[in-house]
């Protein structure tokens, strides 16, 4: 395609996520700066770049139409695809160099660049391909790779979970009721669900490589994104059920009302990890898809029955069930020799494993808060 057409497409895709530099750290070493300058000079003189790779997530209906369409119709579909569904997967530095080479200039009308489009109907398959592609290259950590295609995932979540309200970072809004979650926090929940770990240390290279492998194993499944949506749906529904407890006037502390529980990211992480471990097994365990489907259905039934039980409770009874005072006391006793955040994640993982085991048989959540 023409360079100017590619830059117009890339510009829209990037602006929705805060600019090119926000996607990948700009290399600052002396050699990297020299290489970038050389690349810009070469482009201006007519150099041919290696292909850029753009991921596109289409709706199932448009995806089906795309597969059977002519090349001309396929090009029209790509040209009219909204920016949130586009992700530049490979070629971030080259795209930056193209923008710099033609900054405030019009690229020559006959200059072209080769672009490969990866077309998918769900984000999971796109992430899997991206993880495989970037193996052995200058490494992005796992979180940064997920962030690149996260806008497409948010669209899937919004369409699949009608009761979910995603709070964008740019909105500077705080959560005011159950069912609201920060977009950035949903990235982490996606990671822990795929990696089946409540603690993901992206600073340690070896740990990140093992996490990447675990995540790739999960993302290779055709239904992985759908599984995540179903798990997140259960979190949203439970959050809204807890939100009905408003707390007593004058109470102070971290956990006063029902919505405070999943306002805590460690609590959200613990719940999603507990579900992932029960469905997929521990990292390294290989379960058949039929067994995974059976585990997922069983957990949905348990959580649905629990919510039905909570729906008939009045405010006082719901407060007694949540036992938030016990939760606060248990958390206050956590040792701080290691990271408090990591300790809390482990605390809530243990707690929600008890909840999944007991389901609607729970008289209160005291056994959950005392499981650590």
Protein backbone atom coordinates (compact mmCIF):
# COMPACT_ATOMS: atom_id res chain seq x y z
CA UNK A 1 0.00 0.00 0.00
CA UNK A 2 1.08 3.63 -0.37
CA UNK A 3 3.19 4.97 2.50
CA UNK A 4 0.77 7.83 3.05
CA UNK A 5 -2.15 5.36 3.28
CA UNK A 6 -0.27 3.30 5.85
CA UNK A 7 0.65 6.38 7.92
CA UNK A 8 -2.98 7.57 7.91
CA UNK A 9 -4.07 4.14 9.16
CA UNK A 10 -1.26 3.93 11.75
CA UNK A 11 -1.91 7.44 13.01
CA UNK A 12 -5.53 6.68 13.84
CA UNK A 13 -4.65 3.39 15.52
CA UNK A 14 -1.97 5.05 17.67
CA UNK A 15 -3.80 8.21 18.63
CA UNK A 16 -6.48 6.12 20.34
CA UNK A 17 -3.79 4.72 22.61
CA UNK A 18 -1.83 7.84 23.41
CA UNK A 19 0.75 8.05 20.64
CA UNK A 20 3.45 5.85 19.22
CA UNK A 21 5.93 6.29 22.07
CA UNK A 22 3.38 4.95 24.53
CA UNK A 23 3.30 1.58 22.82
CA UNK A 24 6.94 0.65 23.07
CA UNK A 25 9.79 2.27 24.89
CA UNK A 26 11.94 4.33 22.57
CA UNK A 27 15.42 2.82 22.44
CA UNK A 28 17.83 5.37 23.95
CA UNK A 29 21.28 3.82 23.57
CA UNK A 30 23.84 5.57 21.37
CA UNK A 31 23.82 2.71 18.88
CA UNK A 32 20.01 2.66 18.76
CA UNK A 33 19.84 6.41 18.08
CA UNK A 34 22.39 6.06 15.27
CA UNK A 35 20.49 3.14 13.76
CA UNK A 36 17.21 5.05 13.88
CA UNK A 37 18.78 8.09 12.21
CA UNK A 38 20.27 5.84 9.53
CA UNK A 39 16.89 4.21 8.96
CA UNK A 40 15.21 7.61 8.55
CA UNK A 41 17.89 8.73 6.07
CA UNK A 42 17.58 5.48 4.12
CA UNK A 43 13.78 5.79 3.94
CA UNK A 44 14.05 9.34 2.63
CA UNK A 45 16.39 8.07 -0.08
CA UNK A 46 13.98 5.31 -1.16
CA UNK A 47 15.00 2.26 0.89
CA UNK A 48 12.58 -0.69 0.91
CA UNK A 49 11.57 -1.73 4.45
CA UNK A 50 10.79 -5.27 5.61
CA UNK A 51 7.02 -5.90 5.83
CA UNK A 52 5.06 -4.34 8.69
CA UNK A 53 2.48 -6.52 10.43
CA UNK A 54 -0.94 -5.14 11.36
CA UNK A 55 -3.41 -7.19 13.39
CA UNK A 56 -7.12 -6.72 12.70
CA UNK A 57 -9.92 -8.10 14.88
CA UNK A 58 -13.21 -8.22 12.98
CA UNK A 59 -16.66 -9.08 14.28
CA UNK A 60 -17.71 -12.68 13.44
CA UNK A 61 -20.15 -11.42 10.78
CA UNK A 62 -17.60 -9.18 9.06
CA UNK A 63 -14.91 -11.89 9.43
CA UNK A 64 -17.12 -14.38 7.58
CA UNK A 65 -17.80 -11.82 4.85
CA UNK A 66 -14.08 -11.04 4.58
CA UNK A 67 -13.09 -14.68 4.05
CA UNK A 68 -15.35 -15.07 1.01
CA UNK A 69 -14.90 -11.57 -0.45
CA UNK A 70 -12.85 -10.50 -3.46
CA UNK A 71 -9.51 -8.73 -2.95
CA UNK A 72 -11.18 -5.41 -3.74
CA UNK A 73 -13.93 -5.91 -1.14
CA UNK A 74 -11.37 -7.12 1.42
CA UNK A 75 -9.37 -3.92 0.91
CA UNK A 76 -12.52 -1.83 1.38
CA UNK A 77 -13.29 -3.68 4.64
CA UNK A 78 -9.76 -3.00 5.94
CA UNK A 79 -9.91 0.67 4.91
CA UNK A 80 -13.20 1.12 6.78
CA UNK A 81 -12.22 -0.80 9.94
CA UNK A 82 -12.35 1.36 13.08
CA UNK A 83 -8.99 2.22 14.64
CA UNK A 84 -9.74 0.32 17.88
CA UNK A 85 -9.68 -2.93 15.90
CA UNK A 86 -6.20 -2.30 14.43
CA UNK A 87 -2.91 -3.10 16.18
CA UNK A 88 0.59 -2.72 14.80
CA UNK A 89 2.11 -5.97 16.00
CA UNK A 90 5.50 -5.93 14.29
CA UNK A 91 7.20 -2.79 12.99
CA UNK A 92 6.76 -0.22 15.76
CA UNK A 93 10.26 1.23 15.31
CA UNK A 94 9.92 1.22 11.51
CA UNK A 95 6.60 3.04 11.79
CA UNK A 96 8.23 5.64 14.03
CA UNK A 97 11.00 6.05 11.46
CA UNK A 98 8.42 6.49 8.68
CA UNK A 99 6.66 9.21 10.64
CA UNK A 100 10.00 10.93 11.32
CA UNK A 101 11.13 10.59 7.69
CA UNK A 102 8.02 12.30 6.39
CA UNK A 103 7.33 14.65 9.29
CA UNK A 104 5.49 17.68 7.88
CA UNK A 105 6.14 16.33 4.38
CA UNK A 106 3.91 14.50 1.95
CA UNK A 107 5.26 11.06 1.05
CA UNK A 108 5.77 10.69 -2.72
CA UNK A 109 2.55 9.29 -4.25
CA UNK A 110 4.35 6.34 -5.87
CA UNK A 111 6.24 5.18 -2.78
CA UNK A 112 4.86 1.98 -1.29
CA UNK A 113 5.47 -0.16 1.78
CA UNK A 114 4.59 -3.83 2.21
CA UNK A 115 2.05 -4.47 4.95
CA UNK A 116 0.88 -7.89 6.14
CA UNK A 117 -2.57 -7.98 7.72
CA UNK A 118 -3.38 -10.67 10.26
CA UNK A 119 -7.15 -11.06 10.28
CA UNK A 120 -8.82 -12.63 13.33
CA UNK A 121 -12.33 -12.80 14.76
CA UNK A 122 -11.21 -12.72 18.39
CA UNK A 123 -8.34 -11.15 20.31
CA UNK A 124 -7.07 -14.44 21.73
CA UNK A 125 -5.89 -15.84 18.40
CA UNK A 126 -4.22 -12.52 17.56
CA UNK A 127 -2.35 -12.50 20.89
CA UNK A 128 -1.19 -16.07 20.33
CA UNK A 129 0.27 -15.17 16.93
CA UNK A 130 1.91 -12.07 18.35
CA UNK A 131 3.57 -13.99 21.17
CA UNK A 132 4.98 -16.50 18.69
CA UNK A 133 6.14 -13.77 16.30
CA UNK A 134 8.08 -11.84 18.95
CA UNK A 135 9.94 -14.86 20.32
CA UNK A 136 13.68 -14.29 19.93
CA UNK A 137 13.37 -10.62 19.00
CA UNK A 138 14.20 -7.56 21.13
CA UNK A 139 11.80 -8.57 23.90
CA UNK A 140 8.67 -6.79 24.97
CA UNK A 141 7.47 -7.89 28.35
CA UNK A 142 4.23 -9.84 28.29
CA UNK A 143 2.10 -7.00 29.62
CA UNK A 144 3.26 -4.59 26.91
CA UNK A 145 2.41 -7.13 24.23
CA UNK A 146 -1.12 -7.52 25.59
CA UNK A 147 -1.54 -3.74 25.79
CA UNK A 148 -0.93 -3.46 22.02
CA UNK A 149 -4.09 -5.41 21.18
CA UNK A 150 -6.04 -4.48 24.31
CA UNK A 151 -8.36 -2.01 22.59
CA UNK A 152 -9.73 -4.86 20.50
CA UNK A 153 -10.19 -6.94 23.65
CA UNK A 154 -12.12 -4.12 25.36
CA UNK A 155 -14.54 -4.05 22.42
CA UNK A 156 -15.10 -7.79 22.83
CA UNK A 157 -15.65 -7.43 26.58
CA UNK A 158 -18.14 -4.59 26.15
CA UNK A 159 -20.15 -6.52 23.57
CA UNK A 160 -20.06 -9.78 25.57
CA UNK A 161 -20.69 -8.40 29.08
CA UNK A 162 -23.50 -5.86 28.93
CA UNK A 163 -23.31 -5.10 32.67
CA UNK A 164 -19.58 -4.29 32.54
CA UNK A 165 -18.58 -0.63 32.56
CA UNK A 166 -14.96 -0.06 31.54
CA UNK A 167 -13.39 3.07 33.00
CA UNK A 168 -10.70 4.41 30.70
CA UNK A 169 -7.52 5.78 32.29
CA UNK A 170 -8.00 9.09 30.47
CA UNK A 171 -11.40 9.58 32.10
CA UNK A 172 -9.87 9.96 35.57
CA UNK A 173 -13.05 8.46 37.04
CA UNK A 174 -13.15 6.48 40.23
CA UNK A 175 -15.29 3.38 40.65
CA UNK A 176 -18.63 4.33 42.20
CA UNK A 177 -20.62 1.10 41.96
CA UNK A 178 -20.31 -2.63 41.30
CA UNK A 179 -19.60 -3.64 37.72
CA UNK A 180 -17.14 -0.80 37.04
CA UNK A 181 -13.49 -1.65 36.38
CA UNK A 182 -10.47 0.31 35.19
CA UNK A 183 -9.33 -0.69 31.70
CA UNK A 184 -5.72 -1.05 32.85
CA UNK A 185 -6.74 -3.45 35.64
CA UNK A 186 -8.55 -5.67 33.12
CA UNK A 187 -5.22 -6.21 31.32
CA UNK A 188 -3.77 -7.69 34.49
CA UNK A 189 -6.83 -9.89 35.03
CA UNK A 190 -6.43 -11.18 31.46
CA UNK A 191 -2.78 -11.99 32.20
CA UNK A 192 -3.38 -13.80 35.50
CA UNK A 193 -6.28 -15.77 34.01
CA UNK A 194 -4.10 -16.99 31.15
CA UNK A 195 -0.97 -17.58 33.23
CA UNK A 196 -2.87 -19.10 36.20
CA UNK A 197 -0.69 -17.13 38.63
CA UNK A 198 -1.74 -14.46 41.10
CA UNK A 199 1.75 -12.89 40.99
CA UNK A 200 3.30 -11.98 37.63
CA UNK A 201 6.80 -10.57 37.99
CA UNK A 202 7.46 -8.81 34.68
CA UNK A 203 10.78 -7.46 35.98
CA UNK A 204 12.36 -10.89 36.20
CA UNK A 205 13.23 -12.10 32.70
CA UNK A 206 13.17 -15.83 33.53
CA UNK A 207 9.88 -15.57 35.39
CA UNK A 208 8.39 -13.63 32.48
CA UNK A 209 9.52 -16.30 30.00
CA UNK A 210 7.77 -19.05 31.97
CA UNK A 211 4.67 -16.85 32.26
CA UNK A 212 4.82 -16.24 28.51
CA UNK A 213 4.89 -19.99 27.86
CA UNK A 214 1.97 -20.62 30.22
CA UNK A 215 0.02 -17.81 28.59
CA UNK A 216 0.78 -19.05 25.07
CA UNK A 217 -0.54 -22.48 26.06
CA UNK A 218 -3.83 -20.91 27.16
CA UNK A 219 -4.07 -18.45 24.24
CA UNK A 220 -3.60 -21.27 21.71
CA UNK A 221 -7.10 -22.48 22.61
CA UNK A 222 -9.80 -21.24 20.24
CA UNK A 223 -12.15 -20.47 23.15
CA UNK A 224 -9.68 -18.75 25.47
CA UNK A 225 -11.05 -15.21 25.03
CA UNK A 226 -14.58 -16.53 25.48
CA UNK A 227 -13.51 -18.34 28.67
CA UNK A 228 -12.03 -15.09 30.00
CA UNK A 229 -15.24 -13.22 29.16
CA UNK A 230 -17.29 -15.82 31.05
CA UNK A 231 -14.97 -15.69 34.06
CA UNK A 232 -15.05 -11.88 34.06
CA UNK A 233 -18.85 -11.99 33.77
CA UNK A 234 -18.99 -14.03 36.98
CA UNK A 235 -16.74 -11.47 38.69
CA UNK A 236 -18.98 -8.60 37.51
CA UNK A 237 -22.18 -10.35 38.65
CA UNK A 238 -20.72 -11.19 42.07
CA UNK A 239 -19.43 -7.63 42.40
CA UNK A 240 -22.92 -6.26 41.70
CA UNK A 241 -24.45 -8.69 44.21
CA UNK A 242 -22.01 -7.56 46.93
CA UNK A 243 -22.64 -3.91 46.03
CA UNK A 244 -26.15 -4.16 47.49
CA UNK A 245 -24.61 -3.98 50.96
CA UNK A 246 -24.13 -0.28 51.63
CA UNK A 247 -22.50 -0.47 55.06
CA UNK A 248 -23.34 1.35 58.25
CA UNK A 249 -23.11 5.14 58.48
CA UNK A 250 -19.97 6.31 60.18
CA UNK A 251 -18.01 3.13 59.48
CA UNK A 252 -14.46 3.77 58.37
CA UNK A 253 -11.76 1.63 56.84
CA UNK A 254 -10.80 0.00 53.62
CA UNK A 255 -13.74 -2.44 53.45
CA UNK A 256 -16.95 -0.77 54.59
CA UNK A 257 -19.52 -1.46 51.86
CA UNK A 258 -19.97 -4.35 49.44
CA UNK A 259 -18.44 -2.54 46.47
CA UNK A 260 -15.19 -2.05 48.40
CA UNK A 261 -14.25 -5.73 48.07
CA UNK A 262 -13.64 -5.78 44.31
CA UNK A 263 -12.42 -2.20 44.37
CA UNK A 264 -9.27 -3.97 45.57
CA UNK A 265 -7.25 -5.24 42.61
CA UNK A 266 -5.66 -8.04 44.70
CA UNK A 267 -9.19 -9.31 45.38
CA UNK A 268 -10.04 -9.28 41.65
CA UNK A 269 -6.75 -11.02 40.86
CA UNK A 270 -7.37 -13.65 43.54
CA UNK A 271 -10.86 -14.42 42.20
CA UNK A 272 -9.76 -14.73 38.54
CA UNK A 273 -6.73 -16.85 39.46
CA UNK A 274 -8.84 -19.16 41.62
CA UNK A 275 -11.23 -19.68 38.69
CA UNK A 276 -8.38 -20.25 36.21
CA UNK A 277 -6.67 -22.81 38.46
CA UNK A 278 -9.91 -24.73 38.96
CA UNK A 279 -10.73 -24.71 35.24
CA UNK A 280 -7.31 -25.25 33.62
CA UNK A 281 -5.30 -26.76 36.48
CA UNK A 282 -1.96 -25.53 37.81
CA UNK A 283 0.73 -24.29 35.37
CA UNK A 284 2.27 -27.33 33.70
CA UNK A 285 -0.92 -29.42 34.05
CA UNK A 286 -2.55 -30.32 30.72
CA UNK A 287 -6.30 -30.88 30.83
CA UNK A 288 -8.48 -31.86 27.90
CA UNK A 289 -10.92 -29.26 26.59
CA UNK A 290 -13.93 -31.37 27.58
CA UNK A 291 -12.72 -31.41 31.20
CA UNK A 292 -12.10 -27.66 31.08
CA UNK A 293 -15.64 -27.06 29.76
CA UNK A 294 -17.03 -29.26 32.53
CA UNK A 295 -15.09 -27.36 35.21
CA UNK A 296 -16.17 -23.99 33.81
CA UNK A 297 -19.85 -24.97 33.72
CA UNK A 298 -19.65 -26.34 37.27
CA UNK A 299 -18.19 -23.07 38.58
CA UNK A 300 -20.81 -20.99 36.78
CA UNK A 301 -23.57 -23.11 38.37
CA UNK A 302 -22.00 -22.74 41.84
CA UNK A 303 -21.64 -18.96 41.52
CA UNK A 304 -25.14 -18.57 40.07
CA UNK A 305 -26.64 -20.46 43.02
CA UNK A 306 -24.61 -18.32 45.42
CA UNK A 307 -25.91 -15.12 43.82
CA UNK A 308 -29.49 -16.37 44.02
CA UNK A 309 -28.92 -16.92 47.73
CA UNK A 310 -27.52 -13.39 48.15
CA UNK A 311 -30.32 -11.74 46.15
CA UNK A 312 -32.95 -12.54 48.82
CA UNK A 313 -30.87 -11.22 51.74
CA UNK A 314 -31.63 -7.82 53.24
CA UNK A 315 -28.86 -5.31 53.91
CA UNK A 316 -28.10 -6.55 57.42
CA UNK A 317 -28.05 -10.23 56.42
CA UNK A 318 -25.81 -9.48 53.43
CA UNK A 319 -23.44 -7.58 55.72
CA UNK A 320 -23.32 -10.57 58.08
CA UNK A 321 -22.56 -12.85 55.12
CA UNK A 322 -19.69 -10.67 53.84
CA UNK A 323 -17.99 -10.41 57.28
CA UNK A 324 -15.98 -7.38 56.17
CA UNK A 325 -14.79 -6.75 59.72
CA UNK A 326 -13.20 -10.20 59.79
CA UNK A 327 -11.64 -9.49 56.40
CA UNK A 328 -10.06 -6.27 57.66
CA UNK A 329 -8.72 -7.97 60.77
CA UNK A 330 -7.25 -10.87 58.79
CA UNK A 331 -5.54 -8.55 56.32
CA UNK A 332 -4.05 -6.49 59.14
CA UNK A 333 -2.17 -9.57 60.35
CA UNK A 334 -0.46 -10.26 57.01
CA UNK A 335 3.31 -10.20 57.39
CA UNK A 336 5.01 -7.35 55.57
CA UNK A 337 8.40 -9.05 55.11
CA UNK A 338 7.51 -9.48 51.45
CA UNK A 339 5.51 -7.20 49.20
CA UNK A 340 2.17 -6.39 50.81
CA UNK A 341 0.51 -6.46 47.38
CA UNK A 342 1.78 -9.97 46.67
CA UNK A 343 0.74 -11.17 50.14
CA UNK A 344 -2.76 -9.82 49.60
CA UNK A 345 -3.01 -11.54 46.22
CA UNK A 346 -2.13 -14.83 47.84
CA UNK A 347 -4.59 -14.11 50.67
CA UNK A 348 -7.47 -13.52 48.26
CA UNK A 349 -6.52 -16.49 46.08
CA UNK A 350 -6.87 -18.77 49.12
CA UNK A 351 -10.10 -17.01 50.10
CA UNK A 352 -11.81 -17.43 46.73
CA UNK A 353 -10.64 -21.02 46.36
CA UNK A 354 -12.70 -21.69 49.51
CA UNK A 355 -15.64 -19.78 48.00
CA UNK A 356 -15.49 -21.88 44.81
CA UNK A 357 -15.28 -25.09 46.85
CA UNK A 358 -18.24 -24.26 49.10
CA UNK A 359 -20.45 -22.22 46.73
CA UNK A 360 -23.97 -21.64 48.00
CA UNK A 361 -23.26 -23.83 51.06
CA UNK A 362 -21.35 -20.92 52.61
CA UNK A 363 -23.19 -19.49 55.60
CA UNK A 364 -20.79 -16.53 55.62
CA UNK A 365 -17.44 -15.62 54.08
CA UNK A 366 -15.62 -15.97 57.40
CA UNK A 367 -14.05 -19.32 56.34
CA UNK A 368 -12.74 -17.54 53.21
CA UNK A 369 -11.10 -14.73 55.17
CA UNK A 370 -9.52 -17.22 57.59
CA UNK A 371 -8.10 -19.55 54.92
CA UNK A 372 -4.73 -17.78 54.56
